[in-house]
PDB file of N, CA and C in Angstrom:
ATOM      1  N   MET A   1      -2.799   8.382  19.329  1.00  0.00           N
ATOM      2  CA  MET A   1      -2.388   9.678  19.859  1.00  0.00           C
ATOM      3  C   MET A   1      -1.352  10.346  18.967  1.00  0.00           C
ATOM      4  N   ALA A   2      -0.428   9.542  18.410  1.00  0.00           N
ATOM      5  CA  ALA A   2       0.620  10.119  17.575  1.00  0.00           C
ATOM      6  C   ALA A   2       1.145   9.061  16.620  1.00  0.00           C
ATOM      7  N   ALA A   3       1.730   9.535  15.535  1.00  0.00           N
ATOM      8  CA  ALA A   3       2.337   8.634  14.553  1.00  0.00           C
ATOM      9  C   ALA A   3       3.591   9.297  14.008  1.00  0.00           C
ATOM     10  N   MET A   4       4.481   8.464  13.479  1.00  0.00           N
ATOM     11  CA  MET A   4       5.737   8.960  12.963  1.00  0.00           C
ATOM     12  C   MET A   4       6.150   8.106  11.774  1.00  0.00           C
ATOM     13  N   ALA A   5       6.743   8.748  10.781  1.00  0.00           N
ATOM     14  CA  ALA A   5       7.367   8.043   9.658  1.00  0.00           C
ATOM     15  C   ALA A   5       8.782   8.585   9.538  1.00  0.00           C
ATOM     16  N   LEU A   6       9.735   7.685   9.430  1.00  0.00           N
ATOM     17  CA  LEU A   6      11.141   8.071   9.419  1.00  0.00           C
ATOM     18  C   LEU A   6      11.889   7.192   8.436  1.00  0.00           C
ATOM     19  N   PRO A   7      12.590   7.789   7.474  1.00  0.00           N
ATOM     20  CA  PRO A   7      13.360   6.955   6.536  1.00  0.00           C
ATOM     21  C   PRO A   7      14.574   6.347   7.241  1.00  0.00           C
ATOM     22  N   LEU A   8      14.812   5.081   6.993  1.00  0.00           N
ATOM     23  CA  LEU A   8      15.962   4.393   7.571  1.00  0.00           C
ATOM     24  C   LEU A   8      16.823   3.849   6.436  1.00  0.00           C
ATOM     25  N   ALA A   9      17.877   4.543   6.128  1.00  0.00           N
ATOM     26  CA  ALA A   9      18.720   4.150   4.999  1.00  0.00           C
ATOM     27  C   ALA A   9      19.774   3.119   5.390  1.00  0.00           C
ATOM     28  N   THR A  10      20.010   2.945   6.678  1.00  0.00           N
ATOM     29  CA  THR A  10      21.131   2.098   7.102  1.00  0.00           C
ATOM     30  C   THR A  10      20.718   0.794   7.764  1.00  0.00           C
ATOM     31  N   THR A  11      19.510   0.348   7.564  1.00  0.00           N
ATOM     32  CA  THR A  11      19.087  -0.892   8.196  1.00  0.00           C
ATOM     33  C   THR A  11      19.693  -2.085   7.469  1.00  0.00           C
ATOM     34  N   THR A  12      19.975  -3.133   8.240  1.00  0.00           N
ATOM     35  CA  THR A  12      20.606  -4.327   7.676  1.00  0.00           C
ATOM     36  C   THR A  12      19.624  -5.468   7.467  1.00  0.00           C
ATOM     37  N   SER A  13      18.426  -5.367   8.068  1.00  0.00           N
ATOM     38  CA  SER A  13      17.416  -6.418   7.947  1.00  0.00           C
ATOM     39  C   SER A  13      16.073  -5.848   8.381  1.00  0.00           C
ATOM     40  N   SER A  14      15.009  -6.604   8.151  1.00  0.00           N
ATOM     41  CA  SER A  14      13.688  -6.136   8.595  1.00  0.00           C
ATOM     42  C   SER A  14      13.626  -6.096  10.123  1.00  0.00           C
ATOM     43  N   LYS A  15      14.292  -7.041  10.795  1.00  0.00           N
ATOM     44  CA  LYS A  15      14.311  -7.029  12.262  1.00  0.00           C
ATOM     45  C   LYS A  15      15.066  -5.805  12.771  1.00  0.00           C
ATOM     46  N   HIS A  16      16.168  -5.484  12.130  1.00  0.00           N
ATOM     47  CA  HIS A  16      16.935  -4.292  12.513  1.00  0.00           C
ATOM     48  C   HIS A  16      16.074  -3.033  12.333  1.00  0.00           C
ATOM     49  N   ALA A  17      15.327  -2.963  11.231  1.00  0.00           N
ATOM     50  CA  ALA A  17      14.446  -1.820  10.987  1.00  0.00           C
ATOM     51  C   ALA A  17      13.377  -1.725  12.072  1.00  0.00           C
ATOM     52  N   GLU A  18      12.815  -2.862  12.467  1.00  0.00           N
ATOM     53  CA  GLU A  18      11.791  -2.878  13.516  1.00  0.00           C
ATOM     54  C   GLU A  18      12.377  -2.387  14.844  1.00  0.00           C
ATOM     55  N   ILE A  19      13.577  -2.816  15.161  1.00  0.00           N
ATOM     56  CA  ILE A  19      14.246  -2.380  16.398  1.00  0.00           C
ATOM     57  C   ILE A  19      14.530  -0.883  16.346  1.00  0.00           C
ATOM     58  N   MET A  20      15.030  -0.403  15.217  1.00  0.00           N
ATOM     59  CA  MET A  20      15.335   1.020  15.081  1.00  0.00           C
ATOM     60  C   MET A  20      14.068   1.873  15.224  1.00  0.00           C
ATOM     61  N   MET A  21      12.976   1.438  14.600  1.00  0.00           N
ATOM     62  CA  MET A  21      11.743   2.211  14.703  1.00  0.00           C
ATOM     63  C   MET A  21      11.177   2.177  16.127  1.00  0.00           C
ATOM     64  N   LEU A  22      11.324   1.066  16.791  1.00  0.00           N
ATOM     65  CA  LEU A  22      10.902   0.997  18.191  1.00  0.00           C
ATOM     66  C   LEU A  22      11.724   1.982  19.023  1.00  0.00           C
ATOM     67  N   HIS A  23      13.013   2.003  18.795  1.00  0.00           N
ATOM     68  CA  HIS A  23      13.912   2.920  19.491  1.00  0.00           C
ATOM     69  C   HIS A  23      13.517   4.378  19.238  1.00  0.00           C
ATOM     70  N   PHE A  24      13.338   4.754  17.966  1.00  0.00           N
ATOM     71  CA  PHE A  24      12.946   6.123  17.624  1.00  0.00           C
ATOM     72  C   PHE A  24      11.544   6.437  18.133  1.00  0.00           C
ATOM     73  N   GLY A  25      10.631   5.485  18.048  1.00  0.00           N
ATOM     74  CA  GLY A  25       9.266   5.698  18.514  1.00  0.00           C
ATOM     75  C   GLY A  25       9.191   5.970  20.004  1.00  0.00           C
ATOM     76  N   MET A  26       9.984   5.237  20.767  1.00  0.00           N
ATOM     77  CA  MET A  26      10.003   5.466  22.215  1.00  0.00           C
ATOM     78  C   MET A  26      10.590   6.842  22.548  1.00  0.00           C
ATOM     79  N   LYS A  27      11.638   7.228  21.843  1.00  0.00           N
ATOM     80  CA  LYS A  27      12.213   8.557  22.059  1.00  0.00           C
ATOM     81  C   LYS A  27      11.176   9.626  21.714  1.00  0.00           C
ATOM     82  N   PHE A  28      10.474   9.436  20.616  1.00  0.00           N
ATOM     83  CA  PHE A  28       9.417  10.368  20.213  1.00  0.00           C
ATOM     84  C   PHE A  28       8.338  10.456  21.293  1.00  0.00           C
ATOM     85  N   ALA A  29       7.877   9.311  21.796  1.00  0.00           N
ATOM     86  CA  ALA A  29       6.839   9.289  22.840  1.00  0.00           C
ATOM     87  C   ALA A  29       7.310  10.005  24.098  1.00  0.00           C
ATOM     88  N   ARG A  30       8.558   9.793  24.455  1.00  0.00           N
ATOM     89  CA  ARG A  30       9.116  10.448  25.641  1.00  0.00           C
ATOM     90  C   ARG A  30       9.229  11.961  25.413  1.00  0.00           C
ATOM     91  N   ASP A  31       9.709  12.365  24.227  1.00  0.00           N
ATOM     92  CA  ASP A  31       9.862  13.790  23.921  1.00  0.00           C
ATOM     93  C   ASP A  31       8.521  14.515  23.883  1.00  0.00           C
ATOM     94  N   VAL A  32       7.474  13.832  23.425  1.00  0.00           N
ATOM     95  CA  VAL A  32       6.139  14.425  23.361  1.00  0.00           C
ATOM     96  C   VAL A  32       5.516  14.514  24.754  1.00  0.00           C
ATOM     97  N   GLY A  33       5.990  13.677  25.671  1.00  0.00           N
ATOM     98  CA  GLY A  33       5.520  13.746  27.047  1.00  0.00           C
ATOM     99  C   GLY A  33       4.553  12.658  27.466  1.00  0.00           C
ATOM    100  N   PHE A  34       4.483  11.568  26.701  1.00  0.00           N
ATOM    101  CA  PHE A  34       3.601  10.460  27.090  1.00  0.00           C
ATOM    102  C   PHE A  34       4.170   9.759  28.319  1.00  0.00           C
ATOM    103  N   SER A  35       3.294   9.421  29.247  1.00  0.00           N
ATOM    104  CA  SER A  35       3.733   8.675  30.432  1.00  0.00           C
ATOM    105  C   SER A  35       3.428   7.191  30.304  1.00  0.00           C
ATOM    106  N   SER A  36       2.514   6.848  29.414  1.00  0.00           N
ATOM    107  CA  SER A  36       2.149   5.452  29.157  1.00  0.00           C
ATOM    108  C   SER A  36       2.280   5.180  27.669  1.00  0.00           C
ATOM    109  N   ILE A  37       2.763   3.979  27.340  1.00  0.00           N
ATOM    110  CA  ILE A  37       2.875   3.625  25.927  1.00  0.00           C
ATOM    111  C   ILE A  37       2.411   2.189  25.697  1.00  0.00           C
ATOM    112  N   LEU A  38       1.870   1.988  24.524  1.00  0.00           N
ATOM    113  CA  LEU A  38       1.486   0.664  24.049  1.00  0.00           C
ATOM    114  C   LEU A  38       2.309   0.410  22.803  1.00  0.00           C
ATOM    115  N   ILE A  39       3.148  -0.605  22.853  1.00  0.00           N
ATOM    116  CA  ILE A  39       4.014  -0.950  21.728  1.00  0.00           C
ATOM    117  C   ILE A  39       3.485  -2.228  21.111  1.00  0.00           C
ATOM    118  N   GLU A  40       3.191  -2.175  19.824  1.00  0.00           N
ATOM    119  CA  GLU A  40       2.788  -3.365  19.083  1.00  0.00           C
ATOM    120  C   GLU A  40       3.772  -3.557  17.945  1.00  0.00           C
ATOM    121  N   SER A  41       4.240  -4.766  17.788  1.00  0.00           N
ATOM    122  CA  SER A  41       5.188  -5.075  16.718  1.00  0.00           C
ATOM    123  C   SER A  41       4.750  -6.343  16.014  1.00  0.00           C
ATOM    124  N   ASP A  42       4.955  -6.384  14.702  1.00  0.00           N
ATOM    125  CA  ASP A  42       4.663  -7.614  13.969  1.00  0.00           C
ATOM    126  C   ASP A  42       5.897  -8.511  13.900  1.00  0.00           C
ATOM    127  N   SER A  43       6.904  -8.191  14.692  1.00  0.00           N
ATOM    128  CA  SER A  43       8.105  -9.020  14.800  1.00  0.00           C
ATOM    129  C   SER A  43       8.124  -9.703  16.165  1.00  0.00           C
ATOM    130  N   GLN A  44       7.747 -10.967  16.186  1.00  0.00           N
ATOM    131  CA  GLN A  44       7.731 -11.709  17.445  1.00  0.00           C
ATOM    132  C   GLN A  44       9.129 -11.745  18.074  1.00  0.00           C
ATOM    133  N   GLY A  45      10.163 -11.833  17.236  1.00  0.00           N
ATOM    134  CA  GLY A  45      11.538 -11.860  17.742  1.00  0.00           C
ATOM    135  C   GLY A  45      11.901 -10.591  18.487  1.00  0.00           C
ATOM    136  N   VAL A  46      11.507  -9.444  17.965  1.00  0.00           N
ATOM    137  CA  VAL A  46      11.797  -8.175  18.628  1.00  0.00           C
ATOM    138  C   VAL A  46      11.040  -8.090  19.955  1.00  0.00           C
ATOM    139  N   VAL A  47       9.768  -8.460  19.942  1.00  0.00           N
ATOM    140  CA  VAL A  47       8.971  -8.445  21.175  1.00  0.00           C
ATOM    141  C   VAL A  47       9.625  -9.347  22.227  1.00  0.00           C
ATOM    142  N   ASN A  48      10.026 -10.547  21.828  1.00  0.00           N
ATOM    143  CA  ASN A  48      10.671 -11.477  22.766  1.00  0.00           C
ATOM    144  C   ASN A  48      11.976 -10.910  23.314  1.00  0.00           C
ATOM    145  N   ASP A  49      12.792 -10.321  22.434  1.00  0.00           N
ATOM    146  CA  ASP A  49      14.074  -9.756  22.867  1.00  0.00           C
ATOM    147  C   ASP A  49      13.879  -8.628  23.876  1.00  0.00           C
ATOM    148  N   VAL A  50      12.893  -7.770  23.651  1.00  0.00           N
ATOM    149  CA  VAL A  50      12.649  -6.635  24.554  1.00  0.00           C
ATOM    150  C   VAL A  50      12.070  -7.119  25.880  1.00  0.00           C
ATOM    151  N   LYS A  51      11.261  -8.169  25.855  1.00  0.00           N
ATOM    152  CA  LYS A  51      10.625  -8.666  27.074  1.00  0.00           C
ATOM    153  C   LYS A  51      11.543  -9.542  27.928  1.00  0.00           C
ATOM    154  N   LYS A  52      12.628 -10.035  27.364  1.00  0.00           N
ATOM    155  CA  LYS A  52      13.541 -10.890  28.131  1.00  0.00           C
ATOM    156  C   LYS A  52      14.065 -10.147  29.336  1.00  0.00           C
ATOM    157  N   ASP A  53      14.207 -10.882  30.450  1.00  0.00           N
ATOM    158  CA  ASP A  53      14.683 -10.275  31.686  1.00  0.00           C
ATOM    159  C   ASP A  53      16.199 -10.169  31.769  1.00  0.00           C
ATOM    160  N   GLU A  54      16.891 -10.620  30.738  1.00  0.00           N
ATOM    161  CA  GLU A  54      18.349 -10.572  30.766  1.00  0.00           C
ATOM    162  C   GLU A  54      18.814  -9.143  30.959  1.00  0.00           C
ATOM    163  N   GLU A  55      19.869  -8.991  31.771  1.00  0.00           N
ATOM    164  CA  GLU A  55      20.394  -7.664  32.029  1.00  0.00           C
ATOM    165  C   GLU A  55      21.117  -7.104  30.811  1.00  0.00           C
ATOM    166  N   GLU A  56      21.786  -7.980  30.067  1.00  0.00           N
ATOM    167  CA  GLU A  56      22.489  -7.558  28.867  1.00  0.00           C
ATOM    168  C   GLU A  56      22.153  -8.522  27.747  1.00  0.00           C
ATOM    169  N   SER A  57      21.769  -7.984  26.609  1.00  0.00           N
ATOM    170  CA  SER A  57      21.380  -8.816  25.484  1.00  0.00           C
ATOM    171  C   SER A  57      22.591  -9.121  24.613  1.00  0.00           C
ATOM    172  N   TRP A  58      22.753 -10.403  24.307  1.00  0.00           N
ATOM    173  CA  TRP A  58      23.844 -10.805  23.421  1.00  0.00           C
ATOM    174  C   TRP A  58      23.326 -11.083  22.015  1.00  0.00           C
ATOM    175  N   ALA A  59      22.056 -10.780  21.792  1.00  0.00           N
ATOM    176  CA  ALA A  59      21.449 -10.978  20.475  1.00  0.00           C
ATOM    177  C   ALA A  59      22.039  -9.973  19.486  1.00  0.00           C
ATOM    178  N   SER A  60      21.833 -10.254  18.208  1.00  0.00           N
ATOM    179  CA  SER A  60      22.177  -9.276  17.191  1.00  0.00           C
ATOM    180  C   SER A  60      21.411  -7.993  17.508  1.00  0.00           C
ATOM    181  N   ASP A  61      22.056  -6.864  17.387  1.00  0.00           N
ATOM    182  CA  ASP A  61      21.458  -5.573  17.750  1.00  0.00           C
ATOM    183  C   ASP A  61      21.186  -5.475  19.247  1.00  0.00           C
ATOM    184  N   GLY A  62      21.905  -6.262  20.047  1.00  0.00           N
ATOM    185  CA  GLY A  62      21.690  -6.286  21.495  1.00  0.00           C
ATOM    186  C   GLY A  62      21.886  -4.941  22.158  1.00  0.00           C
ATOM    187  N   HIS A  63      22.810  -4.132  21.652  1.00  0.00           N
ATOM    188  CA  HIS A  63      23.022  -2.807  22.242  1.00  0.00           C
ATOM    189  C   HIS A  63      21.777  -1.933  22.103  1.00  0.00           C
ATOM    190  N   LEU A  64      21.068  -2.073  20.982  1.00  0.00           N
ATOM    191  CA  LEU A  64      19.830  -1.312  20.791  1.00  0.00           C
ATOM    192  C   LEU A  64      18.715  -1.847  21.678  1.00  0.00           C
ATOM    193  N   ILE A  65      18.641  -3.171  21.813  1.00  0.00           N
ATOM    194  CA  ILE A  65      17.637  -3.786  22.700  1.00  0.00           C
ATOM    195  C   ILE A  65      17.862  -3.312  24.135  1.00  0.00           C
ATOM    196  N   ASP A  66      19.131  -3.290  24.562  1.00  0.00           N
ATOM    197  CA  ASP A  66      19.443  -2.820  25.918  1.00  0.00           C
ATOM    198  C   ASP A  66      19.048  -1.358  26.096  1.00  0.00           C
ATOM    199  N   ASP A  67      19.295  -0.539  25.078  1.00  0.00           N
ATOM    200  CA  ASP A  67      18.925   0.871  25.133  1.00  0.00           C
ATOM    201  C   ASP A  67      17.409   1.026  25.227  1.00  0.00           C
ATOM    202  N   ILE A  68      16.672   0.209  24.486  1.00  0.00           N
ATOM    203  CA  ILE A  68      15.209   0.231  24.535  1.00  0.00           C
ATOM    204  C   ILE A  68      14.731  -0.134  25.934  1.00  0.00           C
ATOM    205  N   LYS A  69      15.323  -1.178  26.516  1.00  0.00           N
ATOM    206  CA  LYS A  69      14.925  -1.592  27.867  1.00  0.00           C
ATOM    207  C   LYS A  69      15.166  -0.477  28.880  1.00  0.00           C
ATOM    208  N   ARG A  70      16.278   0.219  28.755  1.00  0.00           N
ATOM    209  CA  ARG A  70      16.544   1.346  29.658  1.00  0.00           C
ATOM    210  C   ARG A  70      15.517   2.458  29.446  1.00  0.00           C
ATOM    211  N   SER A  71      15.154   2.701  28.190  1.00  0.00           N
ATOM    212  CA  SER A  71      14.188   3.755  27.872  1.00  0.00           C
ATOM    213  C   SER A  71      12.800   3.449  28.423  1.00  0.00           C
ATOM    214  N   LEU A  72      12.465   2.163  28.520  1.00  0.00           N
ATOM    215  CA  LEU A  72      11.154   1.772  29.061  1.00  0.00           C
ATOM    216  C   LEU A  72      10.963   2.270  30.484  1.00  0.00           C
ATOM    217  N   GLN A  73      12.054   2.448  31.207  1.00  0.00           N
ATOM    218  CA  GLN A  73      11.982   2.877  32.602  1.00  0.00           C
ATOM    219  C   GLN A  73      11.485   4.316  32.747  1.00  0.00           C
ATOM    220  N   HIS A  74      11.469   5.078  31.649  1.00  0.00           N
ATOM    221  CA  HIS A  74      11.014   6.468  31.685  1.00  0.00           C
ATOM    222  C   HIS A  74       9.495   6.587  31.654  1.00  0.00           C
ATOM    223  N   PHE A  75       8.811   5.473  31.444  1.00  0.00           N
ATOM    224  CA  PHE A  75       7.352   5.493  31.331  1.00  0.00           C
ATOM    225  C   PHE A  75       6.718   4.864  32.565  1.00  0.00           C
ATOM    226  N   GLU A  76       5.562   5.399  32.953  1.00  0.00           N
ATOM    227  CA  GLU A  76       4.847   4.858  34.107  1.00  0.00           C
ATOM    228  C   GLU A  76       4.204   3.518  33.785  1.00  0.00           C
ATOM    229  N   GLU A  77       3.689   3.400  32.576  1.00  0.00           N
ATOM    230  CA  GLU A  77       3.013   2.171  32.171  1.00  0.00           C
ATOM    231  C   GLU A  77       3.455   1.814  30.757  1.00  0.00           C
ATOM    232  N   VAL A  78       3.843   0.546  30.584  1.00  0.00           N
ATOM    233  CA  VAL A  78       4.315   0.068  29.286  1.00  0.00           C
ATOM    234  C   VAL A  78       3.654  -1.264  28.982  1.00  0.00           C
ATOM    235  N   THR A  79       3.091  -1.375  27.788  1.00  0.00           N
ATOM    236  CA  THR A  79       2.563  -2.645  27.304  1.00  0.00           C
ATOM    237  C   THR A  79       3.265  -2.947  25.989  1.00  0.00           C
ATOM    238  N   ILE A  80       3.854  -4.130  25.901  1.00  0.00           N
ATOM    239  CA  ILE A  80       4.535  -4.561  24.677  1.00  0.00           C
ATOM    240  C   ILE A  80       3.890  -5.864  24.232  1.00  0.00           C
ATOM    241  N   SER A  81       3.446  -5.900  22.976  1.00  0.00           N
ATOM    242  CA  SER A  81       2.805  -7.121  22.507  1.00  0.00           C
ATOM    243  C   SER A  81       3.069  -7.345  21.027  1.00  0.00           C
ATOM    244  N   PHE A  82       2.955  -8.602  20.654  1.00  0.00           N
ATOM    245  CA  PHE A  82       3.038  -8.994  19.257  1.00  0.00           C
ATOM    246  C   PHE A  82       1.679  -8.760  18.620  1.00  0.00           C
ATOM    247  N   SER A  83       1.682  -8.199  17.432  1.00  0.00           N
ATOM    248  CA  SER A  83       0.454  -7.968  16.684  1.00  0.00           C
ATOM    249  C   SER A  83       0.712  -8.380  15.239  1.00  0.00           C
ATOM    250  N   PRO A  84       0.017  -9.409  14.750  1.00  0.00           N
ATOM    251  CA  PRO A  84       0.246  -9.831  13.364  1.00  0.00           C
ATOM    252  C   PRO A  84       0.035  -8.668  12.395  1.00  0.00           C
ATOM    253  N   ARG A  85       0.752  -8.687  11.275  1.00  0.00           N
ATOM    254  CA  ARG A  85       0.684  -7.594  10.307  1.00  0.00           C
ATOM    255  C   ARG A  85      -0.748  -7.288   9.887  1.00  0.00           C
ATOM    256  N   ARG A  86      -1.584  -8.314   9.755  1.00  0.00           N
ATOM    257  CA  ARG A  86      -2.965  -8.064   9.320  1.00  0.00           C
ATOM    258  C   ARG A  86      -3.728  -7.220  10.342  1.00  0.00           C
ATOM    259  N   CYS A  87      -3.272  -7.197  11.582  1.00  0.00           N
ATOM    260  CA  CYS A  87      -3.911  -6.395  12.630  1.00  0.00           C
ATOM    261  C   CYS A  87      -3.191  -5.065  12.839  1.00  0.00           C
ATOM    262  N   ASN A  88      -2.153  -4.816  12.061  1.00  0.00           N
ATOM    263  CA  ASN A  88      -1.345  -3.631  12.283  1.00  0.00           C
ATOM    264  C   ASN A  88      -0.994  -2.968  10.943  1.00  0.00           C
ATOM    265  N   GLN A  89      -1.997  -2.795  10.110  1.00  0.00           N
ATOM    266  CA  GLN A  89      -1.785  -2.219   8.789  1.00  0.00           C
ATOM    267  C   GLN A  89      -1.340  -0.759   8.853  1.00  0.00           C
ATOM    268  N   VAL A  90      -1.700  -0.048   9.906  1.00  0.00           N
ATOM    269  CA  VAL A  90      -1.280   1.347  10.034  1.00  0.00           C
ATOM    270  C   VAL A  90       0.248   1.421  10.038  1.00  0.00           C
ATOM    271  N   ALA A  91       0.883   0.586  10.824  1.00  0.00           N
ATOM    272  CA  ALA A  91       2.352   0.573  10.881  1.00  0.00           C
ATOM    273  C   ALA A  91       2.942   0.225   9.516  1.00  0.00           C
ATOM    274  N   HIS A  92       2.326  -0.726   8.834  1.00  0.00           N
ATOM    275  CA  HIS A  92       2.804  -1.131   7.513  1.00  0.00           C
ATOM    276  C   HIS A  92       2.721   0.040   6.523  1.00  0.00           C
ATOM    277  N   PHE A  93       1.608   0.768   6.529  1.00  0.00           N
ATOM    278  CA  PHE A  93       1.451   1.901   5.613  1.00  0.00           C
ATOM    279  C   PHE A  93       2.377   3.059   5.993  1.00  0.00           C
ATOM    280  N   LEU A  94       2.599   3.276   7.292  1.00  0.00           N
ATOM    281  CA  LEU A  94       3.548   4.314   7.705  1.00  0.00           C
ATOM    282  C   LEU A  94       4.964   3.954   7.255  1.00  0.00           C
ATOM    283  N   ALA A  95       5.310   2.677   7.348  1.00  0.00           N
ATOM    284  CA  ALA A  95       6.632   2.233   6.898  1.00  0.00           C
ATOM    285  C   ALA A  95       6.786   2.451   5.393  1.00  0.00           C
ATOM    286  N   ARG A  96       5.755   2.126   4.636  1.00  0.00           N
ATOM    287  CA  ARG A  96       5.803   2.360   3.188  1.00  0.00           C
ATOM    288  C   ARG A  96       5.896   3.853   2.877  1.00  0.00           C
ATOM    289  N   HIS A  97       5.168   4.664   3.654  1.00  0.00           N
ATOM    290  CA  HIS A  97       5.227   6.110   3.471  1.00  0.00           C
ATOM    291  C   HIS A  97       6.645   6.625   3.747  1.00  0.00           C
ATOM    292  N   ALA A  98       7.298   6.074   4.745  1.00  0.00           N
ATOM    293  CA  ALA A  98       8.647   6.510   5.126  1.00  0.00           C
ATOM    294  C   ALA A  98       9.653   6.301   4.000  1.00  0.00           C
ATOM    295  N   LEU A  99       9.389   5.340   3.118  1.00  0.00           N
ATOM    296  CA  LEU A  99      10.293   5.106   1.988  1.00  0.00           C
ATOM    297  C   LEU A  99      10.385   6.320   1.074  1.00  0.00           C
ATOM    298  N   ASN A 100       9.356   7.168   1.091  1.00  0.00           N
ATOM    299  CA  ASN A 100       9.328   8.362   0.245  1.00  0.00           C
ATOM    300  C   ASN A 100       9.640   9.646   1.012  1.00  0.00           C
ATOM    301  N   CYS A 101      10.027   9.510   2.268  1.00  0.00           N
ATOM    302  CA  CYS A 101      10.330  10.680   3.098  1.00  0.00           C
ATOM    303  C   CYS A 101      11.837  10.963   3.098  1.00  0.00           C
ATOM    304  N   ASP A 102      12.171  12.244   3.151  1.00  0.00           N
ATOM    305  CA  ASP A 102      13.570  12.642   3.295  1.00  0.00           C
ATOM    306  C   ASP A 102      13.929  12.874   4.762  1.00  0.00           C
ATOM    307  N   THR A 103      12.919  13.218   5.568  1.00  0.00           N
ATOM    308  CA  THR A 103      13.122  13.488   6.988  1.00  0.00           C
ATOM    309  C   THR A 103      11.967  12.869   7.780  1.00  0.00           C
ATOM    310  N   MET A 104      12.090  12.937   9.088  1.00  0.00           N
ATOM    311  CA  MET A 104      11.033  12.414   9.945  1.00  0.00           C
ATOM    312  C   MET A 104       9.776  13.272   9.807  1.00  0.00           C
ATOM    313  N   VAL A 105       8.621  12.587   9.754  1.00  0.00           N
ATOM    314  CA  VAL A 105       7.326  13.264   9.696  1.00  0.00           C
ATOM    315  C   VAL A 105       6.518  12.763  10.883  1.00  0.00           C
ATOM    316  N   THR A 106       5.882  13.670  11.601  1.00  0.00           N
ATOM    317  CA  THR A 106       5.085  13.275  12.767  1.00  0.00           C
ATOM    318  C   THR A 106       3.678  13.858  12.670  1.00  0.00           C
ATOM    319  N   TRP A 107       2.760  13.143  13.289  1.00  0.00           N
ATOM    320  CA  TRP A 107       1.381  13.601  13.411  1.00  0.00           C
ATOM    321  C   TRP A 107       0.985  13.408  14.869  1.00  0.00           C
ATOM    322  N   ILE A 108       0.471  14.450  15.489  1.00  0.00           N
ATOM    323  CA  ILE A 108       0.043  14.372  16.883  1.00  0.00           C
ATOM    324  C   ILE A 108      -1.427  14.740  16.941  1.00  0.00           C
ATOM    325  N   GLU A 109      -2.224  13.817  17.484  1.00  0.00           N
ATOM    326  CA  GLU A 109      -3.674  13.976  17.619  1.00  0.00           C
ATOM    327  C   GLU A 109      -4.359  14.281  16.286  1.00  0.00           C
ATOM    328  N   GLU A 110      -3.829  13.738  15.218  1.00  0.00           N
ATOM    329  CA  GLU A 110      -4.458  13.835  13.915  1.00  0.00           C
ATOM    330  C   GLU A 110      -4.057  12.609  13.107  1.00  0.00           C
ATOM    331  N   VAL A 111      -4.857  12.319  12.104  1.00  0.00           N
ATOM    332  CA  VAL A 111      -4.570  11.199  11.218  1.00  0.00           C
ATOM    333  C   VAL A 111      -4.427  11.766   9.812  1.00  0.00           C
ATOM    334  N   PRO A 112      -3.319  11.472   9.129  1.00  0.00           N
ATOM    335  CA  PRO A 112      -3.198  11.957   7.749  1.00  0.00           C
ATOM    336  C   PRO A 112      -4.355  11.425   6.906  1.00  0.00           C
ATOM    337  N   PHE A 113      -4.850  12.246   5.994  1.00  0.00           N
ATOM    338  CA  PHE A 113      -6.030  11.859   5.204  1.00  0.00           C
ATOM    339  C   PHE A 113      -5.824  10.536   4.480  1.00  0.00           C
ATOM    340  N   TRP A 114      -4.624  10.264   4.008  1.00  0.00           N
ATOM    341  CA  TRP A 114      -4.358   9.044   3.253  1.00  0.00           C
ATOM    342  C   TRP A 114      -4.307   7.798   4.144  1.00  0.00           C
ATOM    343  N   LEU A 115      -4.354   8.004   5.464  1.00  0.00           N
ATOM    344  CA  LEU A 115      -4.269   6.885   6.403  1.00  0.00           C
ATOM    345  C   LEU A 115      -5.591   6.633   7.140  1.00  0.00           C
ATOM    346  N   GLU A 116      -6.567   7.513   6.992  1.00  0.00           N
ATOM    347  CA  GLU A 116      -7.812   7.417   7.758  1.00  0.00           C
ATOM    348  C   GLU A 116      -8.527   6.084   7.584  1.00  0.00           C
ATOM    349  N   SER A 117      -8.695   5.620   6.361  1.00  0.00           N
ATOM    350  CA  SER A 117      -9.424   4.363   6.148  1.00  0.00           C
ATOM    351  C   SER A 117      -8.660   3.173   6.735  1.00  0.00           C
ATOM    352  N   ILE A 118      -7.337   3.220   6.683  1.00  0.00           N
ATOM    353  CA  ILE A 118      -6.526   2.134   7.243  1.00  0.00           C
ATOM    354  C   ILE A 118      -6.660   2.120   8.773  1.00  0.00           C
ATOM    355  N   VAL A 119      -6.660   3.302   9.406  1.00  0.00           N
ATOM    356  CA  VAL A 119      -6.855   3.382  10.848  1.00  0.00           C
ATOM    357  C   VAL A 119      -8.214   2.794  11.232  1.00  0.00           C
ATOM    358  N   ASN A 120      -9.246   3.163  10.503  1.00  0.00           N
ATOM    359  CA  ASN A 120     -10.593   2.646  10.779  1.00  0.00           C
ATOM    360  C   ASN A 120     -10.659   1.132  10.586  1.00  0.00           C
ATOM    361  N   ASP A 121     -10.009   0.604   9.554  1.00  0.00           N
ATOM    362  CA  ASP A 121      -9.971  -0.838   9.325  1.00  0.00           C
ATOM    363  C   ASP A 121      -9.227  -1.558  10.448  1.00  0.00           C
ATOM    364  N   ASP A 122      -8.107  -0.965  10.917  1.00  0.00           N
ATOM    365  CA  ASP A 122      -7.343  -1.569  12.011  1.00  0.00           C
ATOM    366  C   ASP A 122      -8.173  -1.642  13.287  1.00  0.00           C
ATOM    367  N   ILE A 123      -8.969  -0.603  13.550  1.00  0.00           N
ATOM    368  CA  ILE A 123      -9.807  -0.592  14.740  1.00  0.00           C
ATOM    369  C   ILE A 123     -10.808  -1.740  14.686  1.00  0.00           C
ATOM    370  N   VAL A 124     -11.397  -1.975  13.534  1.00  0.00           N
ATOM    371  CA  VAL A 124     -12.373  -3.056  13.356  1.00  0.00           C
ATOM    372  C   VAL A 124     -11.705  -4.415  13.523  1.00  0.00           C
ATOM    373  N   VAL A 125     -10.544  -4.637  12.894  1.00  0.00           N
ATOM    374  CA  VAL A 125      -9.843  -5.920  12.976  1.00  0.00           C
ATOM    375  C   VAL A 125      -9.394  -6.201  14.399  1.00  0.00           C
ATOM    376  N   SER A 126      -8.923  -5.166  15.106  1.00  0.00           N
ATOM    377  CA  SER A 126      -8.401  -5.341  16.453  1.00  0.00           C
ATOM    378  C   SER A 126      -9.484  -5.564  17.490  1.00  0.00           C
ATOM    379  N   SER A 127     -10.695  -5.136  17.216  1.00  0.00           N
ATOM    380  CA  SER A 127     -11.790  -5.225  18.198  1.00  0.00           C
ATOM    381  C   SER A 127     -12.247  -6.636  18.426  1.00  0.00           C
TER     382      SER A 127
END
């Protein structure tokens, strides 16, 4: 339905980058007006941290995890799952694209031409 690429100059680790993109992605989904979201991450640690029932996270970046958990309440339906990188190449290519972006870039109900074959490959792998 939508995609986003956003440069992150202040990340401290790949896990931190994954958490930040999840945070920005959820805000984007909420701002666009989605009532249901499907979150797939190739970081099992991030998925586990977000799914934990703890009221307050003491993990590294726990304040962001807590903010994400609060944001989940704005959606009617939420699915969060781990997806190995080989099954989530679209996210990998968007992340690489973001390295060359100066600002956030979004696509709604369209696929950038340079990403079409990757989207089609992901659909086949995921099926």
